[in-house]
Amino acid sequence: MIEKLIPIIGIVAACCTTLSFLPQAIKIIKTKNTEGISLSMYVLFVIGVVLWFFYGFFKMDIPIMLANGITLALASVILCYKVKYP
């Protein structure tokens, strides 16, 4: 029973952490206000997500690649806005 729940827990966790960036990205796109976010944090985060994506790629782990690919897109939008609208 527990073994059947493990993939579901992973999928739900990936969805939650990935989608958590959506409200922030939408807010920044609408307002162009990035004053409250840290440039260095987003640079490090995007680097980390890129590395997680490649980790999933080399392991041929589709859920890791998918979750981190979407997170990378959303975090990159936020990072680009932070650079353009400091």
PDB file of N, CA and C in Angstrom:
ATOM      1  N   MET A   1       0.825  -1.210   0.000  1.00  0.00           N
ATOM      2  CA  MET A   1       0.000   0.000   0.000  1.00  0.00           C
ATOM      3  C   MET A   1       0.861   1.261   0.000  1.00  0.00           C
ATOM      4  N   ILE A   2       1.855   1.294   0.902  1.00  0.00           N
ATOM      5  CA  ILE A   2       2.717   2.473   0.994  1.00  0.00           C
ATOM      6  C   ILE A   2       3.481   2.687  -0.316  1.00  0.00           C
ATOM      7  N   GLU A   3       3.951   1.603  -0.949  1.00  0.00           N
ATOM      8  CA  GLU A   3       4.709   1.743  -2.196  1.00  0.00           C
ATOM      9  C   GLU A   3       3.883   2.403  -3.288  1.00  0.00           C
ATOM     10  N   LYS A   4       2.576   2.201  -3.287  1.00  0.00           N
ATOM     11  CA  LYS A   4       1.696   2.822  -4.285  1.00  0.00           C
ATOM     12  C   LYS A   4       1.522   4.313  -4.019  1.00  0.00           C
ATOM     13  N   LEU A   5       1.676   4.728  -2.767  1.00  0.00           N
ATOM     14  CA  LEU A   5       1.511   6.141  -2.414  1.00  0.00           C
ATOM     15  C   LEU A   5       2.756   6.974  -2.715  1.00  0.00           C
ATOM     16  N   ILE A   6       3.916   6.343  -2.740  1.00  0.00           N
ATOM     17  CA  ILE A   6       5.170   7.092  -2.918  1.00  0.00           C
ATOM     18  C   ILE A   6       5.180   7.907  -4.210  1.00  0.00           C
ATOM     19  N   PRO A   7       4.840   7.333  -5.386  1.00  0.00           N
ATOM     20  CA  PRO A   7       4.822   8.162  -6.601  1.00  0.00           C
ATOM     21  C   PRO A   7       3.790   9.283  -6.540  1.00  0.00           C
ATOM     22  N   ILE A   8       2.654   9.010  -5.906  1.00  0.00           N
ATOM     23  CA  ILE A   8       1.619  10.047  -5.788  1.00  0.00           C
ATOM     24  C   ILE A   8       2.115  11.190  -4.918  1.00  0.00           C
ATOM     25  N   ILE A   9       2.775  10.859  -3.823  1.00  0.00           N
ATOM     26  CA  ILE A   9       3.356  11.898  -2.957  1.00  0.00           C
ATOM     27  C   ILE A   9       4.366  12.722  -3.740  1.00  0.00           C
ATOM     28  N   GLY A  10       5.206  12.078  -4.535  1.00  0.00           N
ATOM     29  CA  GLY A  10       6.192  12.791  -5.347  1.00  0.00           C
ATOM     30  C   GLY A  10       5.558  13.700  -6.372  1.00  0.00           C
ATOM     31  N   ILE A  11       4.515  13.233  -7.024  1.00  0.00           N
ATOM     32  CA  ILE A  11       3.819  14.044  -8.038  1.00  0.00           C
ATOM     33  C   ILE A  11       3.149  15.252  -7.392  1.00  0.00           C
ATOM     34  N   VAL A  12       2.477  15.030  -6.269  1.00  0.00           N
ATOM     35  CA  VAL A  12       1.812  16.148  -5.571  1.00  0.00           C
ATOM     36  C   VAL A  12       2.853  17.154  -5.082  1.00  0.00           C
ATOM     37  N   ALA A  13       3.958  16.667  -4.532  1.00  0.00           N
ATOM     38  CA  ALA A  13       5.028  17.566  -4.065  1.00  0.00           C
ATOM     39  C   ALA A  13       5.596  18.372  -5.231  1.00  0.00           C
ATOM     40  N   ALA A  14       5.854  17.721  -6.360  1.00  0.00           N
ATOM     41  CA  ALA A  14       6.393  18.418  -7.533  1.00  0.00           C
ATOM     42  C   ALA A  14       5.411  19.469  -8.037  1.00  0.00           C
ATOM     43  N   CYS A  15       4.125  19.131  -8.068  1.00  0.00           N
ATOM     44  CA  CYS A  15       3.114  20.102  -8.517  1.00  0.00           C
ATOM     45  C   CYS A  15       3.053  21.307  -7.587  1.00  0.00           C
ATOM     46  N   CYS A  16       3.064  21.056  -6.287  1.00  0.00           N
ATOM     47  CA  CYS A  16       2.996  22.159  -5.318  1.00  0.00           C
ATOM     48  C   CYS A  16       4.201  23.086  -5.431  1.00  0.00           C
ATOM     49  N   THR A  17       5.396  22.514  -5.451  1.00  0.00           N
ATOM     50  CA  THR A  17       6.589  23.367  -5.493  1.00  0.00           C
ATOM     51  C   THR A  17       6.725  24.071  -6.839  1.00  0.00           C
ATOM     52  N   THR A  18       6.328  23.409  -7.912  1.00  0.00           N
ATOM     53  CA  THR A  18       6.410  24.023  -9.239  1.00  0.00           C
ATOM     54  C   THR A  18       5.385  25.138  -9.379  1.00  0.00           C
ATOM     55  N   LEU A  19       4.153  24.851  -9.035  1.00  0.00           N
ATOM     56  CA  LEU A  19       3.079  25.832  -9.199  1.00  0.00           C
ATOM     57  C   LEU A  19       3.172  26.981  -8.207  1.00  0.00           C
ATOM     58  N   SER A  20       3.966  26.834  -7.158  1.00  0.00           N
ATOM     59  CA  SER A  20       4.099  27.921  -6.186  1.00  0.00           C
ATOM     60  C   SER A  20       4.707  29.177  -6.812  1.00  0.00           C
ATOM     61  N   PHE A  21       5.408  29.029  -7.913  1.00  0.00           N
ATOM     62  CA  PHE A  21       6.015  30.184  -8.575  1.00  0.00           C
ATOM     63  C   PHE A  21       5.028  30.921  -9.475  1.00  0.00           C
ATOM     64  N   LEU A  22       3.931  30.289  -9.827  1.00  0.00           N
ATOM     65  CA  LEU A  22       2.977  30.901 -10.751  1.00  0.00           C
ATOM     66  C   LEU A  22       2.372  32.202 -10.221  1.00  0.00           C
ATOM     67  N   PRO A  23       1.856  32.254  -8.990  1.00  0.00           N
ATOM     68  CA  PRO A  23       1.301  33.530  -8.509  1.00  0.00           C
ATOM     69  C   PRO A  23       2.333  34.660  -8.489  1.00  0.00           C
ATOM     70  N   GLN A  24       3.569  34.340  -8.101  1.00  0.00           N
ATOM     71  CA  GLN A  24       4.623  35.364  -8.064  1.00  0.00           C
ATOM     72  C   GLN A  24       4.933  35.857  -9.470  1.00  0.00           C
ATOM     73  N   ALA A  25       5.046  34.939 -10.420  1.00  0.00           N
ATOM     74  CA  ALA A  25       5.337  35.315 -11.800  1.00  0.00           C
ATOM     75  C   ALA A  25       4.218  36.184 -12.371  1.00  0.00           C
ATOM     76  N   ILE A  26       2.971  35.806 -12.132  1.00  0.00           N
ATOM     77  CA  ILE A  26       1.832  36.591 -12.628  1.00  0.00           C
ATOM     78  C   ILE A  26       1.838  37.982 -12.018  1.00  0.00           C
ATOM     79  N   LYS A  27       2.063  38.056 -10.717  1.00  0.00           N
ATOM     80  CA  LYS A  27       2.080  39.358 -10.040  1.00  0.00           C
ATOM     81  C   LYS A  27       3.183  40.258 -10.595  1.00  0.00           C
ATOM     82  N   ILE A  28       4.367  39.701 -10.803  1.00  0.00           N
ATOM     83  CA  ILE A  28       5.486  40.501 -11.311  1.00  0.00           C
ATOM     84  C   ILE A  28       5.242  40.927 -12.750  1.00  0.00           C
ATOM     85  N   ILE A  29       4.681  40.056 -13.560  1.00  0.00           N
ATOM     86  CA  ILE A  29       4.378  40.417 -14.949  1.00  0.00           C
ATOM     87  C   ILE A  29       3.369  41.556 -14.987  1.00  0.00           C
ATOM     88  N   LYS A  30       2.349  41.489 -14.137  1.00  0.00           N
ATOM     89  CA  LYS A  30       1.311  42.521 -14.118  1.00  0.00           C
ATOM     90  C   LYS A  30       1.834  43.852 -13.585  1.00  0.00           C
ATOM     91  N   THR A  31       2.594  43.817 -12.492  1.00  0.00           N
ATOM     92  CA  THR A  31       2.993  45.055 -11.814  1.00  0.00           C
ATOM     93  C   THR A  31       4.383  45.552 -12.210  1.00  0.00           C
ATOM     94  N   LYS A  32       5.209  44.647 -12.737  1.00  0.00           N
ATOM     95  CA  LYS A  32       6.613  44.946 -13.035  1.00  0.00           C
ATOM     96  C   LYS A  32       7.368  45.424 -11.791  1.00  0.00           C
ATOM     97  N   ASN A  33       6.865  45.043 -10.626  1.00  0.00           N
ATOM     98  CA  ASN A  33       7.490  45.423  -9.358  1.00  0.00           C
ATOM     99  C   ASN A  33       8.243  44.216  -8.802  1.00  0.00           C
ATOM    100  N   THR A  34       9.569  44.323  -8.767  1.00  0.00           N
ATOM    101  CA  THR A  34      10.412  43.233  -8.256  1.00  0.00           C
ATOM    102  C   THR A  34      11.189  43.666  -7.023  1.00  0.00           C
ATOM    103  N   GLU A  35      10.795  44.769  -6.438  1.00  0.00           N
ATOM    104  CA  GLU A  35      11.532  45.349  -5.319  1.00  0.00           C
ATOM    105  C   GLU A  35      11.691  44.389  -4.144  1.00  0.00           C
ATOM    106  N   GLY A  36      10.701  43.565  -3.902  1.00  0.00           N
ATOM    107  CA  GLY A  36      10.730  42.707  -2.729  1.00  0.00           C
ATOM    108  C   GLY A  36      11.423  41.372  -2.900  1.00  0.00           C
ATOM    109  N   ILE A  37      12.008  41.113  -4.070  1.00  0.00           N
ATOM    110  CA  ILE A  37      12.671  39.823  -4.259  1.00  0.00           C
ATOM    111  C   ILE A  37      14.172  40.009  -4.427  1.00  0.00           C
ATOM    112  N   SER A  38      14.901  39.000  -4.064  1.00  0.00           N
ATOM    113  CA  SER A  38      16.356  39.048  -4.065  1.00  0.00           C
ATOM    114  C   SER A  38      16.923  38.549  -5.395  1.00  0.00           C
ATOM    115  N   LEU A  39      17.742  39.372  -6.036  1.00  0.00           N
ATOM    116  CA  LEU A  39      18.388  38.982  -7.286  1.00  0.00           C
ATOM    117  C   LEU A  39      19.312  37.791  -7.067  1.00  0.00           C
ATOM    118  N   SER A  40      20.131  37.843  -6.034  1.00  0.00           N
ATOM    119  CA  SER A  40      21.078  36.749  -5.803  1.00  0.00           C
ATOM    120  C   SER A  40      20.352  35.437  -5.503  1.00  0.00           C
ATOM    121  N   MET A  41      19.241  35.502  -4.798  1.00  0.00           N
ATOM    122  CA  MET A  41      18.484  34.283  -4.512  1.00  0.00           C
ATOM    123  C   MET A  41      17.957  33.669  -5.801  1.00  0.00           C
ATOM    124  N   TYR A  42      17.413  34.482  -6.690  1.00  0.00           N
ATOM    125  CA  TYR A  42      16.860  33.937  -7.930  1.00  0.00           C
ATOM    126  C   TYR A  42      17.951  33.446  -8.872  1.00  0.00           C
ATOM    127  N   VAL A  43      19.104  34.098  -8.888  1.00  0.00           N
ATOM    128  CA  VAL A  43      20.224  33.601  -9.705  1.00  0.00           C
ATOM    129  C   VAL A  43      20.630  32.211  -9.212  1.00  0.00           C
ATOM    130  N   LEU A  44      20.840  32.080  -7.914  1.00  0.00           N
ATOM    131  CA  LEU A  44      21.217  30.778  -7.353  1.00  0.00           C
ATOM    132  C   LEU A  44      20.124  29.739  -7.555  1.00  0.00           C
ATOM    133  N   PHE A  45      18.888  30.144  -7.394  1.00  0.00           N
ATOM    134  CA  PHE A  45      17.783  29.207  -7.563  1.00  0.00           C
ATOM    135  C   PHE A  45      17.702  28.698  -8.996  1.00  0.00           C
ATOM    136  N   VAL A  46      17.818  29.604  -9.967  1.00  0.00           N
ATOM    137  CA  VAL A  46      17.754  29.199 -11.373  1.00  0.00           C
ATOM    138  C   VAL A  46      18.915  28.265 -11.713  1.00  0.00           C
ATOM    139  N   ILE A  47      20.104  28.556 -11.210  1.00  0.00           N
ATOM    140  CA  ILE A  47      21.246  27.647 -11.424  1.00  0.00           C
ATOM    141  C   ILE A  47      20.932  26.271 -10.840  1.00  0.00           C
ATOM    142  N   GLY A  48      20.402  26.244  -9.628  1.00  0.00           N
ATOM    143  CA  GLY A  48      20.047  24.979  -8.997  1.00  0.00           C
ATOM    144  C   GLY A  48      19.003  24.208  -9.782  1.00  0.00           C
ATOM    145  N   VAL A  49      17.995  24.892 -10.292  1.00  0.00           N
ATOM    146  CA  VAL A  49      16.938  24.235 -11.058  1.00  0.00           C
ATOM    147  C   VAL A  49      17.491  23.691 -12.378  1.00  0.00           C
ATOM    148  N   VAL A  50      18.390  24.435 -13.009  1.00  0.00           N
ATOM    149  CA  VAL A  50      19.041  23.936 -14.230  1.00  0.00           C
ATOM    150  C   VAL A  50      19.798  22.636 -13.920  1.00  0.00           C
ATOM    151  N   LEU A  51      20.522  22.644 -12.821  1.00  0.00           N
ATOM    152  CA  LEU A  51      21.268  21.444 -12.441  1.00  0.00           C
ATOM    153  C   LEU A  51      20.330  20.283 -12.127  1.00  0.00           C
ATOM    154  N   TRP A  52      19.215  20.546 -11.442  1.00  0.00           N
ATOM    155  CA  TRP A  52      18.231  19.484 -11.182  1.00  0.00           C
ATOM    156  C   TRP A  52      17.645  18.951 -12.490  1.00  0.00           C
ATOM    157  N   PHE A  53      17.382  19.852 -13.446  1.00  0.00           N
ATOM    158  CA  PHE A  53      16.856  19.421 -14.736  1.00  0.00           C
ATOM    159  C   PHE A  53      17.838  18.466 -15.420  1.00  0.00           C
ATOM    160  N   PHE A  54      19.117  18.851 -15.448  1.00  0.00           N
ATOM    161  CA  PHE A  54      20.109  17.983 -16.091  1.00  0.00           C
ATOM    162  C   PHE A  54      20.311  16.683 -15.312  1.00  0.00           C
ATOM    163  N   TYR A  55      20.193  16.736 -14.008  1.00  0.00           N
ATOM    164  CA  TYR A  55      20.247  15.517 -13.202  1.00  0.00           C
ATOM    165  C   TYR A  55      19.136  14.560 -13.654  1.00  0.00           C
ATOM    166  N   GLY A  56      17.931  15.093 -13.782  1.00  0.00           N
ATOM    167  CA  GLY A  56      16.813  14.280 -14.259  1.00  0.00           C
ATOM    168  C   GLY A  56      17.035  13.779 -15.666  1.00  0.00           C
ATOM    169  N   PHE A  57      17.633  14.617 -16.512  1.00  0.00           N
ATOM    170  CA  PHE A  57      17.928  14.226 -17.892  1.00  0.00           C
ATOM    171  C   PHE A  57      18.905  13.054 -17.922  1.00  0.00           C
ATOM    172  N   PHE A  58      19.989  13.165 -17.174  1.00  0.00           N
ATOM    173  CA  PHE A  58      20.992  12.100 -17.172  1.00  0.00           C
ATOM    174  C   PHE A  58      20.463  10.813 -16.534  1.00  0.00           C
ATOM    175  N   LYS A  59      19.543  10.947 -15.587  1.00  0.00           N
ATOM    176  CA  LYS A  59      18.933   9.777 -14.954  1.00  0.00           C
ATOM    177  C   LYS A  59      17.720   9.281 -15.755  1.00  0.00           C
ATOM    178  N   MET A  60      17.359  10.022 -16.811  1.00  0.00           N
ATOM    179  CA  MET A  60      16.162   9.737 -17.611  1.00  0.00           C
ATOM    180  C   MET A  60      14.918   9.676 -16.721  1.00  0.00           C
ATOM    181  N   ASP A  61      14.819  10.637 -15.809  1.00  0.00           N
ATOM    182  CA  ASP A  61      13.705  10.719 -14.869  1.00  0.00           C
ATOM    183  C   ASP A  61      12.761  11.831 -15.340  1.00  0.00           C
ATOM    184  N   ILE A  62      11.723  11.439 -16.044  1.00  0.00           N
ATOM    185  CA  ILE A  62      10.790  12.401 -16.644  1.00  0.00           C
ATOM    186  C   ILE A  62      10.142  13.311 -15.604  1.00  0.00           C
ATOM    187  N   PRO A  63       9.663  12.793 -14.464  1.00  0.00           N
ATOM    188  CA  PRO A  63       9.053  13.711 -13.487  1.00  0.00           C
ATOM    189  C   PRO A  63      10.015  14.799 -12.999  1.00  0.00           C
ATOM    190  N   ILE A  64      11.274  14.455 -12.776  1.00  0.00           N
ATOM    191  CA  ILE A  64      12.249  15.465 -12.341  1.00  0.00           C
ATOM    192  C   ILE A  64      12.471  16.480 -13.449  1.00  0.00           C
ATOM    193  N   MET A  65      12.619  16.006 -14.684  1.00  0.00           N
ATOM    194  CA  MET A  65      12.820  16.937 -15.804  1.00  0.00           C
ATOM    195  C   MET A  65      11.600  17.830 -15.998  1.00  0.00           C
ATOM    196  N   LEU A  66      10.416  17.267 -15.948  1.00  0.00           N
ATOM    197  CA  LEU A  66       9.195  18.040 -16.174  1.00  0.00           C
ATOM    198  C   LEU A  66       8.989  19.091 -15.090  1.00  0.00           C
ATOM    199  N   ALA A  67       9.074  18.677 -13.836  1.00  0.00           N
ATOM    200  CA  ALA A  67       8.865  19.615 -12.735  1.00  0.00           C
ATOM    201  C   ALA A  67       9.902  20.734 -12.762  1.00  0.00           C
ATOM    202  N   ASN A  68      11.156  20.379 -12.977  1.00  0.00           N
ATOM    203  CA  ASN A  68      12.199  21.399 -12.974  1.00  0.00           C
ATOM    204  C   ASN A  68      12.208  22.229 -14.248  1.00  0.00           C
ATOM    205  N   GLY A  69      11.760  21.667 -15.356  1.00  0.00           N
ATOM    206  CA  GLY A  69      11.631  22.448 -16.586  1.00  0.00           C
ATOM    207  C   GLY A  69      10.592  23.547 -16.444  1.00  0.00           C
ATOM    208  N   ILE A  70       9.449  23.197 -15.859  1.00  0.00           N
ATOM    209  CA  ILE A  70       8.395  24.200 -15.638  1.00  0.00           C
ATOM    210  C   ILE A  70       8.845  25.223 -14.599  1.00  0.00           C
ATOM    211  N   THR A  71       9.449  24.754 -13.520  1.00  0.00           N
ATOM    212  CA  THR A  71       9.961  25.666 -12.495  1.00  0.00           C
ATOM    213  C   THR A  71      11.005  26.597 -13.089  1.00  0.00           C
ATOM    214  N   LEU A  72      11.872  26.060 -13.931  1.00  0.00           N
ATOM    215  CA  LEU A  72      12.894  26.876 -14.586  1.00  0.00           C
ATOM    216  C   LEU A  72      12.260  27.983 -15.426  1.00  0.00           C
ATOM    217  N   ALA A  73      11.230  27.650 -16.165  1.00  0.00           N
ATOM    218  CA  ALA A  73      10.558  28.659 -16.989  1.00  0.00           C
ATOM    219  C   ALA A  73       9.977  29.775 -16.122  1.00  0.00           C
ATOM    220  N   LEU A  74       9.263  29.396 -15.071  1.00  0.00           N
ATOM    221  CA  LEU A  74       8.632  30.405 -14.203  1.00  0.00           C
ATOM    222  C   LEU A  74       9.673  31.232 -13.451  1.00  0.00           C
ATOM    223  N   ALA A  75      10.680  30.574 -12.883  1.00  0.00           N
ATOM    224  CA  ALA A  75      11.714  31.299 -12.138  1.00  0.00           C
ATOM    225  C   ALA A  75      12.543  32.181 -13.073  1.00  0.00           C
ATOM    226  N   SER A  76      12.736  31.745 -14.312  1.00  0.00           N
ATOM    227  CA  SER A  76      13.494  32.552 -15.272  1.00  0.00           C
ATOM    228  C   SER A  76      12.737  33.820 -15.648  1.00  0.00           C
ATOM    229  N   VAL A  77      11.422  33.703 -15.772  1.00  0.00           N
ATOM    230  CA  VAL A  77      10.604  34.901 -16.043  1.00  0.00           C
ATOM    231  C   VAL A  77      10.783  35.896 -14.900  1.00  0.00           C
ATOM    232  N   ILE A  78      10.684  35.410 -13.673  1.00  0.00           N
ATOM    233  CA  ILE A  78      10.851  36.275 -12.504  1.00  0.00           C
ATOM    234  C   ILE A  78      12.247  36.888 -12.501  1.00  0.00           C
ATOM    235  N   LEU A  79      13.270  36.091 -12.769  1.00  0.00           N
ATOM    236  CA  LEU A  79      14.650  36.591 -12.794  1.00  0.00           C
ATOM    237  C   LEU A  79      14.835  37.642 -13.889  1.00  0.00           C
ATOM    238  N   CYS A  80      14.291  37.401 -15.057  1.00  0.00           N
ATOM    239  CA  CYS A  80      14.410  38.377 -16.158  1.00  0.00           C
ATOM    240  C   CYS A  80      13.745  39.703 -15.781  1.00  0.00           C
ATOM    241  N   TYR A  81      12.572  39.622 -15.172  1.00  0.00           N
ATOM    242  CA  TYR A  81      11.901  40.843 -14.740  1.00  0.00           C
ATOM    243  C   TYR A  81      12.707  41.547 -13.647  1.00  0.00           C
ATOM    244  N   LYS A  82      13.317  40.788 -12.760  1.00  0.00           N
ATOM    245  CA  LYS A  82      14.130  41.391 -11.706  1.00  0.00           C
ATOM    246  C   LYS A  82      15.319  42.138 -12.294  1.00  0.00           C
ATOM    247  N   VAL A  83      15.929  41.573 -13.325  1.00  0.00           N
ATOM    248  CA  VAL A  83      17.067  42.244 -13.982  1.00  0.00           C
ATOM    249  C   VAL A  83      16.585  43.480 -14.750  1.00  0.00           C
ATOM    250  N   LYS A  84      15.446  43.363 -15.417  1.00  0.00           N
ATOM    251  CA  LYS A  84      14.937  44.474 -16.235  1.00  0.00           C
ATOM    252  C   LYS A  84      14.284  45.574 -15.399  1.00  0.00           C
ATOM    253  N   TYR A  85      13.614  45.201 -14.323  1.00  0.00           N
ATOM    254  CA  TYR A  85      12.912  46.154 -13.468  1.00  0.00           C
ATOM    255  C   TYR A  85      13.393  46.007 -12.023  1.00  0.00           C
ATOM    256  N   PRO A  86      14.622  46.463 -11.736  1.00  0.00           N
ATOM    257  CA  PRO A  86      15.158  46.284 -10.392  1.00  0.00           C
ATOM    258  C   PRO A  86      14.379  47.103  -9.397  1.00  0.00           C
TER     259      PRO A  86
END
